[in-house]
């Protein structure tokens, strides 16, 4: 895995990240547009982590910390590169970020029907909490 580079995304990366998510990520969000990702990168420049191999985008994770909670979103690995440790490396980088910021627990948003993702998160030491349910309201 020595050829894998994990870094924080910057504004010039946004369009490539959005294209990548259409290929590698499950589901969509109301924030999956240039302005939404630009707000994330501008507000918290360390939150969007990208993994690159050979200069090509291999994976992403959003590791957001609001001072209270450590939230993980958009863990995605290119379909041709899965099962090579990229997701684990991204989660390790996210967890290191959280620890440096004083975070205490990572909370991941995982689609209910994405069984492959369930296995990935479980293998990284995360577990499902069935007593919580997400409530949302479009703004």
Protein backbone atom coordinates (compact mmCIF):
# COMPACT_ATOMS: atom_id res chain seq x y z
CA UNK A 1 0.00 0.00 0.00
CA UNK A 2 3.08 2.22 -0.14
CA UNK A 3 1.89 3.71 -3.44
CA UNK A 4 -1.34 4.99 -1.87
CA UNK A 5 -1.41 8.70 -1.04
CA UNK A 6 -4.10 10.05 1.26
CA UNK A 7 -4.56 13.81 1.37
CA UNK A 8 -7.16 16.46 2.04
CA UNK A 9 -9.19 17.48 -0.98
CA UNK A 10 -9.00 21.08 -2.19
CA UNK A 11 -11.35 23.19 -4.28
CA UNK A 12 -9.76 22.12 -7.60
CA UNK A 13 -10.59 18.46 -6.74
CA UNK A 14 -14.35 18.96 -6.51
CA UNK A 15 -15.39 18.04 -10.05
CA UNK A 16 -13.21 14.92 -10.03
CA UNK A 17 -14.66 13.88 -6.67
CA UNK A 18 -18.23 14.34 -7.91
CA UNK A 19 -17.47 12.23 -11.02
CA UNK A 20 -15.83 9.62 -8.79
CA UNK A 21 -18.86 9.39 -6.51
CA UNK A 22 -21.12 8.68 -9.50
CA UNK A 23 -18.94 5.62 -10.21
CA UNK A 24 -17.95 4.47 -6.73
CA UNK A 25 -20.49 5.66 -4.15
CA UNK A 26 -23.91 4.26 -3.31
CA UNK A 27 -26.85 6.64 -3.08
CA UNK A 28 -26.99 10.38 -3.51
CA UNK A 29 -27.33 13.40 -1.29
CA UNK A 30 -28.80 16.87 -1.72
CA UNK A 31 -25.23 18.11 -1.22
CA UNK A 32 -23.80 16.15 -4.17
CA UNK A 33 -23.08 19.18 -6.29
CA UNK A 34 -20.20 21.59 -6.78
CA UNK A 35 -21.55 24.17 -4.33
CA UNK A 36 -22.23 21.59 -1.62
CA UNK A 37 -18.75 20.08 -1.77
CA UNK A 38 -17.17 23.54 -2.05
CA UNK A 39 -18.92 24.57 1.19
CA UNK A 40 -17.56 21.46 2.91
CA UNK A 41 -13.99 22.00 1.70
CA UNK A 42 -14.09 25.73 2.52
CA UNK A 43 -15.65 25.31 5.97
CA UNK A 44 -13.52 22.34 7.02
CA UNK A 45 -10.51 21.92 4.72
CA UNK A 46 -9.43 18.68 6.41
CA UNK A 47 -12.76 16.88 6.22
CA UNK A 48 -12.77 15.45 2.71
CA UNK A 49 -10.00 12.89 2.43
CA UNK A 50 -9.05 11.44 -0.92
CA UNK A 51 -6.89 8.41 -1.65
CA UNK A 52 -4.86 8.41 -4.83
CA UNK A 53 -2.90 5.66 -6.47
CA UNK A 54 -0.69 6.56 -9.39
CA UNK A 55 -2.22 10.04 -9.47
CA UNK A 56 -5.75 8.64 -9.94
CA UNK A 57 -8.58 8.93 -7.46
CA UNK A 58 -8.98 5.58 -5.69
CA UNK A 59 -11.22 6.43 -2.72
CA UNK A 60 -12.82 9.07 -0.52
CA UNK A 61 -14.22 9.58 2.93
CA UNK A 62 -15.70 12.64 4.60
CA UNK A 63 -14.46 12.88 8.19
CA UNK A 64 -16.41 15.78 9.64
CA UNK A 65 -15.99 17.01 13.19
CA UNK A 66 -18.21 19.71 14.63
CA UNK A 67 -16.53 19.85 18.03
CA UNK A 68 -19.03 17.36 19.43
CA UNK A 69 -19.37 14.44 17.02
CA UNK A 70 -17.08 12.71 14.55
CA UNK A 71 -19.17 11.93 11.48
CA UNK A 72 -18.15 9.71 8.57
CA UNK A 73 -19.77 9.93 5.16
CA UNK A 74 -19.03 8.98 1.58
CA UNK A 75 -16.59 6.16 2.19
CA UNK A 76 -16.15 5.03 -1.40
CA UNK A 77 -13.52 3.04 -3.26
CA UNK A 78 -13.30 2.70 -7.03
CA UNK A 79 -14.96 -0.62 -8.00
CA UNK A 80 -11.79 -1.86 -9.72
CA UNK A 81 -9.71 -1.23 -6.60
CA UNK A 82 -11.88 -2.72 -3.85
CA UNK A 83 -10.55 -5.30 -1.38
CA UNK A 84 -7.05 -3.82 -1.49
CA UNK A 85 -7.08 -2.00 1.86
CA UNK A 86 -7.99 1.44 0.53
CA UNK A 87 -11.12 1.80 2.67
CA UNK A 88 -9.18 0.70 5.75
CA UNK A 89 -6.43 3.24 5.01
CA UNK A 90 -9.00 6.02 4.56
CA UNK A 91 -10.72 5.12 7.83
CA UNK A 92 -7.39 5.04 9.64
CA UNK A 93 -6.61 8.53 8.32
CA UNK A 94 -10.09 9.74 9.37
CA UNK A 95 -9.68 8.26 12.85
CA UNK A 96 -6.27 9.89 13.22
CA UNK A 97 -7.84 13.22 12.26
CA UNK A 98 -10.59 12.75 14.83
CA UNK A 99 -8.12 11.81 17.57
CA UNK A 100 -6.00 14.88 16.84
CA UNK A 101 -9.12 17.06 17.14
CA UNK A 102 -10.19 15.44 20.44
CA UNK A 103 -12.96 13.31 18.98
CA UNK A 104 -14.19 10.36 21.00
CA UNK A 105 -16.26 8.20 18.64
CA UNK A 106 -16.82 7.93 14.93
CA UNK A 107 -20.39 7.76 13.67
CA UNK A 108 -20.87 6.46 10.12
CA UNK A 109 -23.81 7.00 7.79
CA UNK A 110 -24.30 3.66 6.00
CA UNK A 111 -27.13 2.83 3.63
CA UNK A 112 -29.39 0.15 5.07
CA UNK A 113 -29.42 -1.95 1.88
CA UNK A 114 -25.67 -1.77 1.19
CA UNK A 115 -24.56 -5.15 2.54
CA UNK A 116 -21.04 -4.77 1.11
CA UNK A 117 -20.64 -1.55 3.08
CA UNK A 118 -21.88 -3.26 6.26
CA UNK A 119 -19.07 -5.81 5.95
CA UNK A 120 -16.50 -3.07 5.30
CA UNK A 121 -17.52 -1.05 8.34
CA UNK A 122 -17.70 -4.15 10.56
CA UNK A 123 -14.22 -5.25 9.51
CA UNK A 124 -12.95 -1.81 10.54
CA UNK A 125 -14.39 -2.28 14.05
CA UNK A 126 -17.65 -0.34 13.68
CA UNK A 127 -20.99 -1.77 14.77
CA UNK A 128 -24.60 -0.95 14.06
CA UNK A 129 -26.69 0.70 16.76
CA UNK A 130 -30.28 -0.32 16.14
CA UNK A 131 -31.75 1.95 18.81
CA UNK A 132 -30.98 5.08 16.70
CA UNK A 133 -32.90 6.25 13.66
CA UNK A 134 -31.98 9.12 11.37
CA UNK A 135 -34.53 11.94 11.12
CA UNK A 136 -34.23 14.45 8.30
CA UNK A 137 -35.93 17.55 6.95
CA UNK A 138 -34.96 19.14 3.63
CA UNK A 139 -34.19 22.83 4.05
